[in-house]
Amino acid sequence: MTTEAATIGLTHGRSEDTGLGHRGPESKSIVVPYGFWLFVLSDMVLFSALFASYGTLVNATDGGPTTHQLFPATWLRSRRSPCCCRASSAAWR
């Protein structure tokens, strides 16, 4: 390679003078926290979009039936109870 390529850090040799740091993969102590914060931030974006769309569309039925008209409370309770009982019994195993 030319000396110009070596001065801008395009070689795999020692390149401390370029200011680019060491070559190779980063250590786990750098990668793991970065991945964790990337996950947390992506969840924040996802759930903020979810809550914003819910808040915007909760009353936007355009004259159609509401949730309470479509799903009576007794119907919901009868469907929810078996799921809760099944989940709590699975937790005690």
C-alpha atoms as a PDB file:
ATOM      1  CA  MET A   1       0.000   0.000   0.000  1.00  0.00           C
ATOM      2  CA  THR A   2       1.026   3.543  -0.421  1.00  0.00           C
ATOM      3  CA  THR A   3       2.094   5.740   2.430  1.00  0.00           C
ATOM      4  CA  GLU A   4      -1.055   7.806   1.903  1.00  0.00           C
ATOM      5  CA  ALA A   5      -3.234   4.745   2.652  1.00  0.00           C
ATOM      6  CA  ALA A   6      -1.183   4.054   5.750  1.00  0.00           C
ATOM      7  CA  THR A   7      -1.570   7.615   7.022  1.00  0.00           C
ATOM      8  CA  ILE A   8      -5.376   7.586   6.806  1.00  0.00           C
ATOM      9  CA  GLY A   9      -5.629   4.201   8.506  1.00  0.00           C
ATOM     10  CA  LEU A  10      -6.492   1.874   5.633  1.00  0.00           C
ATOM     11  CA  THR A  11      -3.908  -0.721   6.560  1.00  0.00           C
ATOM     12  CA  HIS A  12      -4.080  -3.390   9.239  1.00  0.00           C
ATOM     13  CA  GLY A  13      -0.775  -2.386  10.707  1.00  0.00           C
ATOM     14  CA  ARG A  14      -0.241  -0.247  13.750  1.00  0.00           C
ATOM     15  CA  SER A  15      -2.158   2.968  13.205  1.00  0.00           C
ATOM     16  CA  GLU A  16      -1.951   4.851  16.504  1.00  0.00           C
ATOM     17  CA  ASP A  17      -1.069   8.063  14.704  1.00  0.00           C
ATOM     18  CA  THR A  18      -4.357   8.183  12.758  1.00  0.00           C
ATOM     19  CA  GLY A  19      -6.560   8.704  15.790  1.00  0.00           C
ATOM     20  CA  LEU A  20      -8.803   5.800  14.800  1.00  0.00           C
ATOM     21  CA  GLY A  21      -8.017   3.632  17.832  1.00  0.00           C
ATOM     22  CA  HIS A  22      -7.250  -0.048  17.829  1.00  0.00           C
ATOM     23  CA  ARG A  23      -8.434  -2.412  15.127  1.00  0.00           C
ATOM     24  CA  GLY A  24     -10.680  -5.429  15.561  1.00  0.00           C
ATOM     25  CA  PRO A  25     -13.930  -6.061  17.347  1.00  0.00           C
ATOM     26  CA  GLU A  26     -14.754  -4.090  20.467  1.00  0.00           C
ATOM     27  CA  SER A  27     -14.722  -5.774  23.846  1.00  0.00           C
ATOM     28  CA  LYS A  28     -17.902  -7.119  25.461  1.00  0.00           C
ATOM     29  CA  SER A  29     -17.805  -4.331  28.039  1.00  0.00           C
ATOM     30  CA  ILE A  30     -18.444  -1.866  25.191  1.00  0.00           C
ATOM     31  CA  VAL A  31     -20.820  -3.877  22.996  1.00  0.00           C
ATOM     32  CA  VAL A  32     -23.210  -5.222  25.655  1.00  0.00           C
ATOM     33  CA  PRO A  33     -24.213  -1.867  27.231  1.00  0.00           C
ATOM     34  CA  TYR A  34     -24.537  -0.344  23.768  1.00  0.00           C
ATOM     35  CA  GLY A  35     -26.880  -3.156  22.714  1.00  0.00           C
ATOM     36  CA  PHE A  36     -28.886  -2.787  25.920  1.00  0.00           C
ATOM     37  CA  TRP A  37     -29.419   0.947  25.445  1.00  0.00           C
ATOM     38  CA  LEU A  38     -30.232   0.419  21.784  1.00  0.00           C
ATOM     39  CA  PHE A  39     -32.916  -2.086  22.842  1.00  0.00           C
ATOM     40  CA  VAL A  40     -34.307   0.277  25.498  1.00  0.00           C
ATOM     41  CA  LEU A  41     -34.470   3.213  23.089  1.00  0.00           C
ATOM     42  CA  SER A  42     -36.131   1.142  20.373  1.00  0.00           C
ATOM     43  CA  ASP A  43     -38.742  -0.015  22.907  1.00  0.00           C
ATOM     44  CA  MET A  44     -39.362   3.584  23.910  1.00  0.00           C
ATOM     45  CA  VAL A  45     -39.992   4.531  20.303  1.00  0.00           C
ATOM     46  CA  LEU A  46     -42.233   1.525  19.725  1.00  0.00           C
ATOM     47  CA  PHE A  47     -44.399   2.045  22.808  1.00  0.00           C
ATOM     48  CA  SER A  48     -44.621   5.807  22.362  1.00  0.00           C
ATOM     49  CA  ALA A  49     -45.940   5.212  18.843  1.00  0.00           C
ATOM     50  CA  LEU A  50     -48.354   2.597  20.193  1.00  0.00           C
ATOM     51  CA  PHE A  51     -49.716   4.874  22.925  1.00  0.00           C
ATOM     52  CA  ALA A  52     -49.886   7.871  20.592  1.00  0.00           C
ATOM     53  CA  SER A  53     -51.897   5.936  18.031  1.00  0.00           C
ATOM     54  CA  TYR A  54     -54.194   4.564  20.748  1.00  0.00           C
ATOM     55  CA  GLY A  55     -54.759   8.030  22.183  1.00  0.00           C
ATOM     56  CA  THR A  56     -55.523   9.371  18.737  1.00  0.00           C
ATOM     57  CA  LEU A  57     -57.817   6.565  17.581  1.00  0.00           C
ATOM     58  CA  VAL A  58     -59.638   5.599  20.801  1.00  0.00           C
ATOM     59  CA  ASN A  59     -62.689   7.755  19.992  1.00  0.00           C
ATOM     60  CA  ALA A  60     -62.356   7.815  16.202  1.00  0.00           C
ATOM     61  CA  THR A  61     -65.218   5.460  15.314  1.00  0.00           C
ATOM     62  CA  ASP A  62     -66.870   7.788  12.758  1.00  0.00           C
ATOM     63  CA  GLY A  63     -70.333   6.929  14.011  1.00  0.00           C
ATOM     64  CA  GLY A  64     -69.668   3.184  14.151  1.00  0.00           C
ATOM     65  CA  PRO A  65     -69.994   0.940  17.179  1.00  0.00           C
ATOM     66  CA  THR A  66     -67.757   1.547  20.167  1.00  0.00           C
ATOM     67  CA  THR A  67     -65.763  -1.107  21.986  1.00  0.00           C
ATOM     68  CA  HIS A  68     -68.405  -1.417  24.701  1.00  0.00           C
ATOM     69  CA  GLN A  69     -71.090  -1.991  22.093  1.00  0.00           C
ATOM     70  CA  LEU A  70     -69.062  -4.643  20.282  1.00  0.00           C
ATOM     71  CA  PHE A  71     -67.833  -6.518  23.368  1.00  0.00           C
ATOM     72  CA  PRO A  72     -70.184  -6.531  26.366  1.00  0.00           C
ATOM     73  CA  ALA A  73     -68.523  -6.578  29.796  1.00  0.00           C
ATOM     74  CA  THR A  74     -69.971  -9.997  30.685  1.00  0.00           C
ATOM     75  CA  TRP A  75     -68.542 -11.496  27.505  1.00  0.00           C
ATOM     76  CA  LEU A  76     -65.104 -10.089  28.291  1.00  0.00           C
ATOM     77  CA  ARG A  77     -65.190 -11.324  31.890  1.00  0.00           C
ATOM     78  CA  SER A  78     -66.173 -14.821  30.816  1.00  0.00           C
ATOM     79  CA  ARG A  79     -63.227 -14.943  28.385  1.00  0.00           C
ATOM     80  CA  ARG A  80     -60.707 -13.368  30.730  1.00  0.00           C
ATOM     81  CA  SER A  81     -61.291 -15.560  33.808  1.00  0.00           C
ATOM     82  CA  PRO A  82     -60.097 -18.878  32.305  1.00  0.00           C
ATOM     83  CA  CYS A  83     -56.975 -17.204  30.964  1.00  0.00           C
ATOM     84  CA  CYS A  84     -56.107 -15.716  34.353  1.00  0.00           C
ATOM     85  CA  CYS A  85     -56.725 -19.013  36.143  1.00  0.00           C
ATOM     86  CA  ARG A  86     -54.627 -20.919  33.625  1.00  0.00           C
ATOM     87  CA  ALA A  87     -51.786 -18.431  33.889  1.00  0.00           C
ATOM     88  CA  SER A  88     -51.777 -18.446  37.696  1.00  0.00           C
ATOM     89  CA  SER A  89     -51.847 -22.252  37.858  1.00  0.00           C
ATOM     90  CA  ALA A  90     -48.941 -22.441  35.417  1.00  0.00           C
ATOM     91  CA  ALA A  91     -46.941 -20.100  37.632  1.00  0.00           C
ATOM     92  CA  TRP A  92     -47.283 -22.457  40.642  1.00  0.00           C
ATOM     93  CA  ARG A  93     -45.866 -25.514  38.879  1.00  0.00           C
END
